[in-house]
Amino acid sequence: MNHRQTNVFKRFAAVAGLALALMLTQTQAVATFPDKPIQFISPFAAGGANDYLTRLMAQHMATELKGTIVAENKTGANGIVGATFVAKSAPDGYTVLTGNSATHGTNPTLYPKLPYDAVKDFAPISMVGFVPLTLSVDTRLGINNIAELIAYGKKNPGKLAFSSSGVGSTGHLAGEAFKAASGIDMVHAPYKGDAPAIGDVAAGQIALSFVGVASASALYQSGKIKVLAVASAKRSTTMPDVPTFAEAGFKDIEISQWFALFTRAGTPKETIDLMNAAAKNVLSRPEIQKGIITQGAEYQYSTPEQLAAFTQTEIKRFGDIIRRLNIKVD
């Protein structure tokens, strides 16, 4: 072997040795996962469904993984702050996002300069659940069904306003879709969250709202609001007496707030599989399922591959709605 061949061999051996060392280090890290606290990030404020599901999964997956999971809220800009934090984290599974229909559904179309890529920057873990949207109205209007709402709207053009959790939210999309399909004139009033949006309906400050079942349920049960329809394929477990939009003649209005676990792209598959198995075990427990349903949500497990496909489908579906209705973010 000549001098040049010897140098090439040495360089090859060095590269191969480094690759082997990295592989062994990664394998060892996966074998001991988790050996430090995991962060579960909710990109929305405390008190909502995103926060509740983040803390629920953190608490019970910690037991499954025999480790420590800390739930944190990193809020702002329709979930962009929290999602970006996870998108820029290390690809090791120690930072997890409870993403949703905003961070991985509407945002990619609403924000042309989004600081993260909803597909390329994340590794899907599992679906957690979804919350069907409701069409809720002020009881003072004396409206009992969608037909009566449409009649009222056409008799009082420009006098109806609907609230949602914000511009570009699933509630906003549902409201605009209903406005277009029904032909009634309504003005959108964006709020900073579902709770204040539906609270003002109960207080008589605004006529109607498109918010999740979880936020509308208590006010509905106490008779402070009237829920006319849910935007899901089947009736809500929490509100079984409320018809779907399809039952009311609007088959194309099917929009839910959904929630799922994601970590940083590049995280070892073995770590993803461990976390998916933990999520599956948690979501299979009857007491956990009951707790989720009590909050107005529906539980939903998925494989990472199913979540990846679902996310891409939702980005396209919401994108089509946003473009068709010409929804813009100020």
C-alpha atoms as a PDB file:
ATOM      1  CA  MET A   1       0.000   0.000   0.000  1.00  0.00           C
ATOM      2  CA  ASN A   2       1.509   3.353  -1.076  1.00  0.00           C
ATOM      3  CA  HIS A   3       1.485   6.579   0.959  1.00  0.00           C
ATOM      4  CA  ARG A   4      -1.596   7.993  -0.778  1.00  0.00           C
ATOM      5  CA  GLN A   5      -3.579   4.788  -0.295  1.00  0.00           C
ATOM      6  CA  THR A   6      -2.571   4.725   3.347  1.00  0.00           C
ATOM      7  CA  ASN A   7      -3.892   8.281   3.885  1.00  0.00           C
ATOM      8  CA  VAL A   8      -7.175   7.453   2.126  1.00  0.00           C
ATOM      9  CA  PHE A   9      -7.557   4.358   4.292  1.00  0.00           C
ATOM     10  CA  LYS A  10      -6.866   6.365   7.448  1.00  0.00           C
ATOM     11  CA  ARG A  11      -9.451   8.993   6.493  1.00  0.00           C
ATOM     12  CA  PHE A  12     -12.006   6.285   5.719  1.00  0.00           C
ATOM     13  CA  ALA A  13     -11.288   4.570   9.029  1.00  0.00           C
ATOM     14  CA  ALA A  14     -11.662   7.872  10.895  1.00  0.00           C
ATOM     15  CA  VAL A  15     -15.013   8.621   9.237  1.00  0.00           C
ATOM     16  CA  ALA A  16     -16.255   5.084   9.813  1.00  0.00           C
ATOM     17  CA  GLY A  17     -15.138   5.242  13.435  1.00  0.00           C
ATOM     18  CA  LEU A  18     -16.955   8.528  13.961  1.00  0.00           C
ATOM     19  CA  ALA A  19     -20.121   7.160  12.357  1.00  0.00           C
ATOM     20  CA  LEU A  20     -19.938   4.054  14.557  1.00  0.00           C
ATOM     21  CA  ALA A  21     -19.395   6.176  17.658  1.00  0.00           C
ATOM     22  CA  LEU A  22     -22.384   8.364  16.796  1.00  0.00           C
ATOM     23  CA  MET A  23     -24.529   5.290  16.139  1.00  0.00           C
ATOM     24  CA  LEU A  24     -23.505   3.714  19.450  1.00  0.00           C
ATOM     25  CA  THR A  25     -24.162   6.987  21.295  1.00  0.00           C
ATOM     26  CA  GLN A  26     -27.607   7.305  19.701  1.00  0.00           C
ATOM     27  CA  THR A  27     -28.432   3.663  20.451  1.00  0.00           C
ATOM     28  CA  GLN A  28     -27.361   4.124  24.073  1.00  0.00           C
ATOM     29  CA  ALA A  29     -29.450   7.313  24.342  1.00  0.00           C
ATOM     30  CA  VAL A  30     -32.542   5.525  23.020  1.00  0.00           C
ATOM     31  CA  ALA A  31     -31.958   2.588  25.361  1.00  0.00           C
ATOM     32  CA  THR A  32     -31.976   4.884  28.394  1.00  0.00           C
ATOM     33  CA  PHE A  33     -34.779   7.210  27.203  1.00  0.00           C
ATOM     34  CA  PRO A  34     -35.861   9.154  29.129  1.00  0.00           C
ATOM     35  CA  ASP A  35     -32.916   9.900  31.391  1.00  0.00           C
ATOM     36  CA  LYS A  36     -33.853  13.563  31.930  1.00  0.00           C
ATOM     37  CA  PRO A  37     -37.150  15.531  32.089  1.00  0.00           C
ATOM     38  CA  ILE A  38     -39.229  15.798  28.917  1.00  0.00           C
ATOM     39  CA  GLN A  39     -40.940  19.110  28.077  1.00  0.00           C
ATOM     40  CA  PHE A  40     -44.528  18.969  26.838  1.00  0.00           C
ATOM     41  CA  ILE A  41     -45.388  22.307  25.231  1.00  0.00           C
ATOM     42  CA  SER A  42     -48.922  23.690  24.914  1.00  0.00           C
ATOM     43  CA  PRO A  43     -48.873  26.571  22.394  1.00  0.00           C
ATOM     44  CA  PHE A  44     -52.087  28.017  23.811  1.00  0.00           C
ATOM     45  CA  ALA A  45     -53.044  29.525  27.153  1.00  0.00           C
ATOM     46  CA  ALA A  46     -53.999  27.635  30.304  1.00  0.00           C
ATOM     47  CA  GLY A  47     -57.636  26.708  30.746  1.00  0.00           C
ATOM     48  CA  GLY A  48     -58.419  25.547  27.214  1.00  0.00           C
ATOM     49  CA  ALA A  49     -58.629  22.094  25.644  1.00  0.00           C
ATOM     50  CA  ASN A  50     -55.031  22.260  24.346  1.00  0.00           C
ATOM     51  CA  ASP A  51     -53.705  22.947  27.835  1.00  0.00           C
ATOM     52  CA  TYR A  52     -55.909  20.284  29.453  1.00  0.00           C
ATOM     53  CA  LEU A  53     -54.861  17.553  27.002  1.00  0.00           C
ATOM     54  CA  THR A  54     -51.186  18.546  27.262  1.00  0.00           C
ATOM     55  CA  ARG A  55     -51.214  18.154  31.034  1.00  0.00           C
ATOM     56  CA  LEU A  56     -53.284  14.982  30.967  1.00  0.00           C
ATOM     57  CA  MET A  57     -50.940  13.254  28.512  1.00  0.00           C
ATOM     58  CA  ALA A  58     -47.841  14.559  30.298  1.00  0.00           C
ATOM     59  CA  GLN A  59     -48.978  13.188  33.644  1.00  0.00           C
ATOM     60  CA  HIS A  60     -49.886   9.710  32.426  1.00  0.00           C
ATOM     61  CA  MET A  61     -47.215   9.236  29.781  1.00  0.00           C
ATOM     62  CA  ALA A  62     -44.616  10.014  32.459  1.00  0.00           C
ATOM     63  CA  THR A  63     -45.838   6.938  34.329  1.00  0.00           C
ATOM     64  CA  GLU A  64     -45.730   4.814  31.182  1.00  0.00           C
ATOM     65  CA  LEU A  65     -42.202   5.976  30.311  1.00  0.00           C
ATOM     66  CA  LYS A  66     -41.018   5.809  33.943  1.00  0.00           C
ATOM     67  CA  GLY A  67     -39.690   9.354  33.694  1.00  0.00           C
ATOM     68  CA  THR A  68     -40.511  12.981  34.374  1.00  0.00           C
ATOM     69  CA  ILE A  69     -42.574  15.146  32.030  1.00  0.00           C
ATOM     70  CA  VAL A  70     -43.032  18.863  32.645  1.00  0.00           C
ATOM     71  CA  ALA A  71     -45.961  20.642  30.948  1.00  0.00           C
ATOM     72  CA  GLU A  72     -45.407  24.256  29.914  1.00  0.00           C
ATOM     73  CA  ASN A  73     -47.376  26.946  28.072  1.00  0.00           C
ATOM     74  CA  LYS A  74     -45.519  28.877  25.384  1.00  0.00           C
ATOM     75  CA  THR A  75     -48.244  30.999  23.888  1.00  0.00           C
ATOM     76  CA  GLY A  76     -48.695  33.632  21.222  1.00  0.00           C
ATOM     77  CA  ALA A  77     -49.439  34.284  17.543  1.00  0.00           C
ATOM     78  CA  ASN A  78     -52.051  31.547  17.042  1.00  0.00           C
ATOM     79  CA  GLY A  79     -49.720  28.834  18.376  1.00  0.00           C
ATOM     80  CA  ILE A  80     -46.696  29.923  16.340  1.00  0.00           C
ATOM     81  CA  VAL A  81     -44.512  30.712  19.375  1.00  0.00           C
ATOM     82  CA  GLY A  82     -44.861  27.256  20.936  1.00  0.00           C
ATOM     83  CA  ALA A  83     -44.621  25.385  17.634  1.00  0.00           C
ATOM     84  CA  THR A  84     -41.480  27.259  16.634  1.00  0.00           C
ATOM     85  CA  PHE A  85     -39.869  26.481  20.000  1.00  0.00           C
ATOM     86  CA  VAL A  86     -40.303  22.752  19.377  1.00  0.00           C
ATOM     87  CA  ALA A  87     -39.313  23.037  15.705  1.00  0.00           C
ATOM     88  CA  LYS A  88     -35.960  24.517  16.777  1.00  0.00           C
ATOM     89  CA  SER A  89     -35.312  22.018  19.612  1.00  0.00           C
ATOM     90  CA  ALA A  90     -32.857  19.123  19.581  1.00  0.00           C
ATOM     91  CA  PRO A  91     -34.017  16.014  17.665  1.00  0.00           C
ATOM     92  CA  ASP A  92     -33.979  13.746  20.704  1.00  0.00           C
ATOM     93  CA  GLY A  93     -37.611  13.429  21.835  1.00  0.00           C
ATOM     94  CA  TYR A  94     -37.176  15.561  24.945  1.00  0.00           C
ATOM     95  CA  THR A  95     -39.317  18.423  23.615  1.00  0.00           C
ATOM     96  CA  VAL A  96     -42.881  17.580  22.572  1.00  0.00           C
ATOM     97  CA  LEU A  97     -45.605  19.813  21.160  1.00  0.00           C
ATOM     98  CA  THR A  98     -49.321  19.339  21.587  1.00  0.00           C
ATOM     99  CA  GLY A  99     -49.992  20.644  18.104  1.00  0.00           C
ATOM    100  CA  ASN A 100     -53.445  21.236  16.745  1.00  0.00           C
ATOM    101  CA  SER A 101     -55.612  22.312  13.837  1.00  0.00           C
ATOM    102  CA  ALA A 102     -54.022  25.775  13.989  1.00  0.00           C
ATOM    103  CA  THR A 103     -50.297  24.932  14.259  1.00  0.00           C
ATOM    104  CA  HIS A 104     -50.561  22.029  11.780  1.00  0.00           C
ATOM    105  CA  GLY A 105     -53.711  22.911   9.863  1.00  0.00           C
ATOM    106  CA  THR A 106     -54.534  26.551   9.165  1.00  0.00           C
ATOM    107  CA  ASN A 107     -51.243  28.333   9.922  1.00  0.00           C
ATOM    108  CA  PRO A 108     -49.271  26.986   6.923  1.00  0.00           C
ATOM    109  CA  THR A 109     -51.696  28.786   4.588  1.00  0.00           C
ATOM    110  CA  LEU A 110     -52.525  31.828   6.720  1.00  0.00           C
ATOM    111  CA  TYR A 111     -48.906  32.818   7.343  1.00  0.00           C
ATOM    112  CA  PRO A 112     -46.762  32.827   4.174  1.00  0.00           C
ATOM    113  CA  LYS A 113     -43.619  33.478   6.253  1.00  0.00           C
ATOM    114  CA  LEU A 114     -44.287  30.924   8.978  1.00  0.00           C
ATOM    115  CA  PRO A 115     -41.042  30.359  10.968  1.00  0.00           C
ATOM    116  CA  TYR A 116     -41.524  26.585  10.934  1.00  0.00           C
ATOM    117  CA  ASP A 117     -42.515  23.955   8.397  1.00  0.00           C
ATOM    118  CA  ALA A 118     -45.467  21.994   9.772  1.00  0.00           C
ATOM    119  CA  VAL A 119     -44.406  18.861   7.885  1.00  0.00           C
ATOM    120  CA  LYS A 120     -40.617  18.947   7.553  1.00  0.00           C
ATOM    121  CA  ASP A 121     -39.743  20.260  11.027  1.00  0.00           C
ATOM    122  CA  PHE A 122     -41.782  17.752  13.049  1.00  0.00           C
ATOM    123  CA  ALA A 123     -41.941  14.029  13.744  1.00  0.00           C
ATOM    124  CA  PRO A 124     -45.529  12.889  14.439  1.00  0.00           C
ATOM    125  CA  ILE A 125     -46.114  10.780  17.559  1.00  0.00           C
ATOM    126  CA  SER A 126     -49.873  10.240  17.948  1.00  0.00           C
ATOM    127  CA  MET A 127     -53.252  11.862  17.722  1.00  0.00           C
ATOM    128  CA  VAL A 128     -54.773  12.638  21.131  1.00  0.00           C
ATOM    129  CA  GLY A 129     -58.286  13.854  20.446  1.00  0.00           C
ATOM    130  CA  PHE A 130     -60.550  16.362  18.811  1.00  0.00           C
ATOM    131  CA  VAL A 131     -63.228  18.846  19.833  1.00  0.00           C
ATOM    132  CA  PRO A 132     -66.135  19.434  17.436  1.00  0.00           C
ATOM    133  CA  LEU A 133     -67.050  23.071  16.842  1.00  0.00           C
ATOM    134  CA  THR A 134     -70.467  24.358  17.836  1.00  0.00           C
ATOM    135  CA  LEU A 135     -72.761  27.043  16.492  1.00  0.00           C
ATOM    136  CA  SER A 136     -74.013  28.669  19.694  1.00  0.00           C
ATOM    137  CA  VAL A 137     -76.430  31.589  20.033  1.00  0.00           C
ATOM    138  CA  ASP A 138     -77.646  34.054  22.649  1.00  0.00           C
ATOM    139  CA  THR A 139     -80.824  32.638  24.219  1.00  0.00           C
ATOM    140  CA  ARG A 140     -82.347  36.150  24.210  1.00  0.00           C
ATOM    141  CA  LEU A 141     -82.765  35.924  20.432  1.00  0.00           C
ATOM    142  CA  GLY A 142     -85.388  33.189  20.841  1.00  0.00           C
ATOM    143  CA  ILE A 143     -83.776  31.138  18.044  1.00  0.00           C
ATOM    144  CA  ASN A 144     -84.079  27.353  18.394  1.00  0.00           C
ATOM    145  CA  ASN A 145     -82.595  25.946  15.174  1.00  0.00           C
ATOM    146  CA  ILE A 146     -80.535  26.858  12.124  1.00  0.00           C
ATOM    147  CA  ALA A 147     -83.586  27.497   9.940  1.00  0.00           C
ATOM    148  CA  GLU A 148     -84.798  30.130  12.404  1.00  0.00           C
ATOM    149  CA  LEU A 149     -81.306  31.671  12.542  1.00  0.00           C
ATOM    150  CA  ILE A 150     -81.191  32.006   8.763  1.00  0.00           C
ATOM    151  CA  ALA A 151     -84.650  33.544   8.689  1.00  0.00           C
ATOM    152  CA  TYR A 152     -83.624  36.020  11.397  1.00  0.00           C
ATOM    153  CA  GLY A 153     -80.406  36.882   9.579  1.00  0.00           C
ATOM    154  CA  LYS A 154     -82.143  37.554   6.281  1.00  0.00           C
ATOM    155  CA  LYS A 155     -84.744  39.699   8.013  1.00  0.00           C
ATOM    156  CA  ASN A 156     -81.996  41.655   9.819  1.00  0.00           C
ATOM    157  CA  PRO A 157     -79.115  42.001   7.324  1.00  0.00           C
ATOM    158  CA  GLY A 158     -75.843  43.241   8.820  1.00  0.00           C
ATOM    159  CA  LYS A 159     -77.068  42.997  12.395  1.00  0.00           C
ATOM    160  CA  LEU A 160     -75.569  39.588  13.227  1.00  0.00           C
ATOM    161  CA  ALA A 161     -71.998  39.185  14.464  1.00  0.00           C
ATOM    162  CA  PHE A 162     -70.275  35.902  15.271  1.00  0.00           C
ATOM    163  CA  SER A 163     -67.329  35.425  17.600  1.00  0.00           C
ATOM    164  CA  SER A 164     -64.444  32.951  17.378  1.00  0.00           C
ATOM    165  CA  SER A 165     -61.129  32.373  19.144  1.00  0.00           C
ATOM    166  CA  GLY A 166     -59.324  34.534  16.586  1.00  0.00           C
ATOM    167  CA  VAL A 167     -58.656  35.393  12.950  1.00  0.00           C
ATOM    168  CA  GLY A 168     -57.899  32.234  10.996  1.00  0.00           C
ATOM    169  CA  SER A 169     -59.038  29.917  13.794  1.00  0.00           C
ATOM    170  CA  THR A 170     -61.158  26.876  12.993  1.00  0.00           C
ATOM    171  CA  GLY A 171     -64.111  28.777  14.483  1.00  0.00           C
ATOM    172  CA  HIS A 172     -63.486  31.644  12.084  1.00  0.00           C
ATOM    173  CA  LEU A 173     -63.344  29.215   9.153  1.00  0.00           C
ATOM    174  CA  ALA A 174     -66.559  27.499  10.237  1.00  0.00           C
ATOM    175  CA  GLY A 175     -68.321  30.845  10.608  1.00  0.00           C
ATOM    176  CA  GLU A 176     -67.248  32.041   7.176  1.00  0.00           C
ATOM    177  CA  ALA A 177     -68.214  28.706   5.615  1.00  0.00           C
ATOM    178  CA  PHE A 178     -71.675  28.898   7.218  1.00  0.00           C
ATOM    179  CA  LYS A 179     -72.050  32.529   6.137  1.00  0.00           C
ATOM    180  CA  ALA A 180     -71.281  31.604   2.524  1.00  0.00           C
ATOM    181  CA  ALA A 181     -73.495  28.510   2.523  1.00  0.00           C
ATOM    182  CA  SER A 182     -76.494  30.114   4.233  1.00  0.00           C
ATOM    183  CA  GLY A 183     -76.377  33.433   2.408  1.00  0.00           C
ATOM    184  CA  ILE A 184     -76.841  35.513   5.552  1.00  0.00           C
ATOM    185  CA  ASP A 185     -74.808  38.634   6.272  1.00  0.00           C
ATOM    186  CA  MET A 186     -72.635  38.275   9.375  1.00  0.00           C
ATOM    187  CA  VAL A 187     -69.637  40.161  10.737  1.00  0.00           C
ATOM    188  CA  HIS A 188     -66.715  38.306  12.329  1.00  0.00           C
ATOM    189  CA  ALA A 189     -65.646  39.389  15.830  1.00  0.00           C
ATOM    190  CA  PRO A 190     -62.297  37.743  16.704  1.00  0.00           C
ATOM    191  CA  TYR A 191     -61.492  37.124  20.380  1.00  0.00           C
ATOM    192  CA  LYS A 192     -58.365  35.858  22.150  1.00  0.00           C
ATOM    193  CA  GLY A 193     -59.615  32.372  22.876  1.00  0.00           C
ATOM    194  CA  ASP A 194     -62.806  30.320  22.987  1.00  0.00           C
ATOM    195  CA  ALA A 195     -63.689  31.231  26.592  1.00  0.00           C
ATOM    196  CA  PRO A 196     -64.140  34.996  26.072  1.00  0.00           C
ATOM    197  CA  ALA A 197     -65.751  34.392  22.664  1.00  0.00           C
ATOM    198  CA  ILE A 198     -68.546  32.250  24.091  1.00  0.00           C
ATOM    199  CA  GLY A 199     -68.681  34.218  27.354  1.00  0.00           C
ATOM    200  CA  ASP A 200     -69.880  37.314  25.519  1.00  0.00           C
ATOM    201  CA  VAL A 201     -72.640  35.300  23.843  1.00  0.00           C
ATOM    202  CA  ALA A 202     -73.889  34.208  27.272  1.00  0.00           C
ATOM    203  CA  ALA A 203     -73.657  37.825  28.444  1.00  0.00           C
ATOM    204  CA  GLY A 204     -75.713  39.067  25.509  1.00  0.00           C
ATOM    205  CA  GLN A 205     -72.845  41.098  24.031  1.00  0.00           C
ATOM    206  CA  ILE A 206     -72.742  39.188  20.743  1.00  0.00           C
ATOM    207  CA  ALA A 207     -75.350  37.132  18.898  1.00  0.00           C
ATOM    208  CA  LEU A 208     -73.572  33.883  18.098  1.00  0.00           C
ATOM    209  CA  SER A 209     -70.274  32.048  18.244  1.00  0.00           C
ATOM    210  CA  PHE A 210     -68.326  29.213  16.673  1.00  0.00           C
ATOM    211  CA  VAL A 211     -66.305  27.598  19.481  1.00  0.00           C
ATOM    212  CA  GLY A 212     -65.457  24.063  20.576  1.00  0.00           C
ATOM    213  CA  VAL A 213     -67.843  21.802  22.464  1.00  0.00           C
ATOM    214  CA  ALA A 214     -65.440  21.898  25.427  1.00  0.00           C
ATOM    215  CA  SER A 215     -65.880  25.662  25.822  1.00  0.00           C
ATOM    216  CA  ALA A 216     -69.626  25.739  25.137  1.00  0.00           C
ATOM    217  CA  SER A 217     -70.666  22.717  27.198  1.00  0.00           C
ATOM    218  CA  ALA A 218     -71.005  24.244  30.696  1.00  0.00           C
ATOM    219  CA  LEU A 219     -72.905  27.311  29.451  1.00  0.00           C
ATOM    220  CA  TYR A 220     -75.140  25.074  27.344  1.00  0.00           C
ATOM    221  CA  GLN A 221     -75.900  22.732  30.250  1.00  0.00           C
ATOM    222  CA  SER A 222     -76.781  25.708  32.463  1.00  0.00           C
ATOM    223  CA  GLY A 223     -79.113  27.155  29.826  1.00  0.00           C
ATOM    224  CA  LYS A 224     -77.083  30.347  29.305  1.00  0.00           C
ATOM    225  CA  ILE A 225     -76.597  29.680  25.578  1.00  0.00           C
ATOM    226  CA  LYS A 226     -78.387  27.657  22.917  1.00  0.00           C
ATOM    227  CA  VAL A 227     -76.325  25.283  20.753  1.00  0.00           C
ATOM    228  CA  LEU A 228     -77.891  24.865  17.305  1.00  0.00           C
ATOM    229  CA  ALA A 229     -75.416  22.469  15.656  1.00  0.00           C
ATOM    230  CA  VAL A 230     -72.062  20.719  15.923  1.00  0.00           C
ATOM    231  CA  ALA A 231     -69.603  20.682  12.997  1.00  0.00           C
ATOM    232  CA  SER A 232     -68.675  16.992  13.205  1.00  0.00           C
ATOM    233  CA  ALA A 233     -69.544  13.859  11.238  1.00  0.00           C
ATOM    234  CA  LYS A 234     -71.619  12.506  14.108  1.00  0.00           C
ATOM    235  CA  ARG A 235     -73.281  13.996  17.149  1.00  0.00           C
ATOM    236  CA  SER A 236     -71.118  14.960  20.096  1.00  0.00           C
ATOM    237  CA  THR A 237     -70.987  12.547  23.038  1.00  0.00           C
ATOM    238  CA  THR A 238     -71.252  15.575  25.319  1.00  0.00           C
ATOM    239  CA  MET A 239     -74.283  17.054  23.481  1.00  0.00           C
ATOM    240  CA  PRO A 240     -76.146  14.055  22.010  1.00  0.00           C
ATOM    241  CA  ASP A 241     -79.366  16.058  21.550  1.00  0.00           C
ATOM    242  CA  VAL A 242     -77.699  18.662  19.289  1.00  0.00           C
ATOM    243  CA  PRO A 243     -77.865  17.918  15.538  1.00  0.00           C
ATOM    244  CA  THR A 244     -74.863  18.038  13.210  1.00  0.00           C
ATOM    245  CA  PHE A 245     -74.636  20.643  10.448  1.00  0.00           C
ATOM    246  CA  ALA A 246     -75.220  17.822   7.961  1.00  0.00           C
ATOM    247  CA  GLU A 247     -78.492  16.967   9.672  1.00  0.00           C
ATOM    248  CA  ALA A 248     -79.458  20.633   9.364  1.00  0.00           C
ATOM    249  CA  GLY A 249     -78.762  20.592   5.621  1.00  0.00           C
ATOM    250  CA  PHE A 250     -75.130  21.782   5.531  1.00  0.00           C
ATOM    251  CA  LYS A 251     -73.149  18.623   4.773  1.00  0.00           C
ATOM    252  CA  ASP A 252     -69.917  20.442   3.856  1.00  0.00           C
ATOM    253  CA  ILE A 253     -69.475  22.123   7.240  1.00  0.00           C
ATOM    254  CA  GLU A 254     -67.394  19.596   9.171  1.00  0.00           C
ATOM    255  CA  ILE A 255     -64.632  21.308  11.129  1.00  0.00           C
ATOM    256  CA  SER A 256     -63.150  20.252  14.463  1.00  0.00           C
ATOM    257  CA  GLN A 257     -60.336  21.439  16.667  1.00  0.00           C
ATOM    258  CA  TRP A 258     -57.943  18.480  16.811  1.00  0.00           C
ATOM    259  CA  PHE A 259     -54.913  17.851  19.000  1.00  0.00           C
ATOM    260  CA  ALA A 260     -51.853  15.656  18.493  1.00  0.00           C
ATOM    261  CA  LEU A 261     -48.325  15.068  19.809  1.00  0.00           C
ATOM    262  CA  PHE A 262     -45.295  16.022  17.707  1.00  0.00           C
ATOM    263  CA  THR A 263     -41.577  16.192  18.425  1.00  0.00           C
ATOM    264  CA  ARG A 264     -38.598  17.471  16.439  1.00  0.00           C
ATOM    265  CA  ALA A 265     -37.921  15.918  13.043  1.00  0.00           C
ATOM    266  CA  GLY A 266     -34.859  13.666  13.117  1.00  0.00           C
ATOM    267  CA  THR A 267     -35.695  12.133  16.481  1.00  0.00           C
ATOM    268  CA  PRO A 268     -34.734   8.417  16.438  1.00  0.00           C
ATOM    269  CA  LYS A 269     -37.562   6.138  15.331  1.00  0.00           C
ATOM    270  CA  GLU A 270     -37.055   3.984  18.416  1.00  0.00           C
ATOM    271  CA  THR A 271     -37.803   6.990  20.635  1.00  0.00           C
ATOM    272  CA  ILE A 272     -40.891   7.866  18.564  1.00  0.00           C
ATOM    273  CA  ASP A 273     -42.099   4.283  18.892  1.00  0.00           C
ATOM    274  CA  LEU A 274     -41.632   4.339  22.678  1.00  0.00           C
ATOM    275  CA  MET A 275     -43.646   7.540  22.979  1.00  0.00           C
ATOM    276  CA  ASN A 276     -46.348   6.304  20.627  1.00  0.00           C
ATOM    277  CA  ALA A 277     -46.723   3.106  22.660  1.00  0.00           C
ATOM    278  CA  ALA A 278     -47.018   5.188  25.846  1.00  0.00           C
ATOM    279  CA  ALA A 279     -49.680   7.409  24.253  1.00  0.00           C
ATOM    280  CA  LYS A 280     -51.585   4.343  23.028  1.00  0.00           C
ATOM    281  CA  ASN A 281     -51.606   2.809  26.508  1.00  0.00           C
ATOM    282  CA  VAL A 282     -52.783   6.071  28.095  1.00  0.00           C
ATOM    283  CA  LEU A 283     -55.573   6.618  25.559  1.00  0.00           C
ATOM    284  CA  SER A 284     -56.782   3.017  25.939  1.00  0.00           C
ATOM    285  CA  ARG A 285     -57.635   3.462  29.622  1.00  0.00           C
ATOM    286  CA  PRO A 286     -61.391   3.863  30.294  1.00  0.00           C
ATOM    287  CA  GLU A 287     -60.789   6.431  33.046  1.00  0.00           C
ATOM    288  CA  ILE A 288     -58.686   8.581  30.698  1.00  0.00           C
ATOM    289  CA  GLN A 289     -61.265   8.271  27.930  1.00  0.00           C
ATOM    290  CA  LYS A 290     -64.007   9.297  30.349  1.00  0.00           C
ATOM    291  CA  GLY A 291     -61.970  12.303  31.521  1.00  0.00           C
ATOM    292  CA  ILE A 292     -61.433  13.477  27.947  1.00  0.00           C
ATOM    293  CA  ILE A 293     -65.120  13.083  27.095  1.00  0.00           C
ATOM    294  CA  THR A 294     -66.090  14.962  30.261  1.00  0.00           C
ATOM    295  CA  GLN A 295     -64.085  17.918  28.923  1.00  0.00           C
ATOM    296  CA  GLY A 296     -66.128  17.934  25.723  1.00  0.00           C
ATOM    297  CA  ALA A 297     -63.431  16.259  23.644  1.00  0.00           C
ATOM    298  CA  GLU A 298     -63.292  12.900  21.853  1.00  0.00           C
ATOM    299  CA  TYR A 299     -60.177  10.729  22.323  1.00  0.00           C
ATOM    300  CA  GLN A 300     -58.308   9.510  19.239  1.00  0.00           C
ATOM    301  CA  TYR A 301     -55.133   7.404  19.038  1.00  0.00           C
ATOM    302  CA  SER A 302     -53.114   7.046  15.830  1.00  0.00           C
ATOM    303  CA  THR A 303     -49.817   5.669  14.624  1.00  0.00           C
ATOM    304  CA  PRO A 304     -47.124   8.194  13.628  1.00  0.00           C
ATOM    305  CA  GLU A 305     -47.710   7.285   9.977  1.00  0.00           C
ATOM    306  CA  GLN A 306     -51.459   7.887  10.258  1.00  0.00           C
ATOM    307  CA  LEU A 307     -50.865  11.258  11.916  1.00  0.00           C
ATOM    308  CA  ALA A 308     -48.387  12.271   9.212  1.00  0.00           C
ATOM    309  CA  ALA A 309     -50.930  11.510   6.484  1.00  0.00           C
ATOM    310  CA  PHE A 310     -53.736  13.217   8.409  1.00  0.00           C
ATOM    311  CA  THR A 311     -51.679  16.375   8.930  1.00  0.00           C
ATOM    312  CA  GLN A 312     -50.926  16.757   5.243  1.00  0.00           C
ATOM    313  CA  THR A 313     -54.599  16.185   4.389  1.00  0.00           C
ATOM    314  CA  GLU A 314     -55.712  18.822   6.899  1.00  0.00           C
ATOM    315  CA  ILE A 315     -53.204  21.405   5.645  1.00  0.00           C
ATOM    316  CA  LYS A 316     -54.612  20.982   2.135  1.00  0.00           C
ATOM    317  CA  ARG A 317     -58.248  20.955   3.300  1.00  0.00           C
ATOM    318  CA  PHE A 318     -57.918  24.080   5.436  1.00  0.00           C
ATOM    319  CA  GLY A 319     -55.813  25.727   2.750  1.00  0.00           C
ATOM    320  CA  ASP A 320     -58.579  25.201   0.198  1.00  0.00           C
ATOM    321  CA  ILE A 321     -61.160  26.716   2.577  1.00  0.00           C
ATOM    322  CA  ILE A 322     -58.957  29.719   3.416  1.00  0.00           C
ATOM    323  CA  ARG A 323     -58.268  30.478  -0.237  1.00  0.00           C
ATOM    324  CA  ARG A 324     -61.878  29.942  -1.310  1.00  0.00           C
ATOM    325  CA  LEU A 325     -63.223  32.265   1.384  1.00  0.00           C
ATOM    326  CA  ASN A 326     -60.295  34.689   0.947  1.00  0.00           C
ATOM    327  CA  ILE A 327     -59.490  34.743   4.680  1.00  0.00           C
ATOM    328  CA  LYS A 328     -56.562  37.002   5.535  1.00  0.00           C
ATOM    329  CA  VAL A 329     -54.522  37.624   8.691  1.00  0.00           C
ATOM    330  CA  ASP A 330     -54.068  41.318   9.477  1.00  0.00           C
END
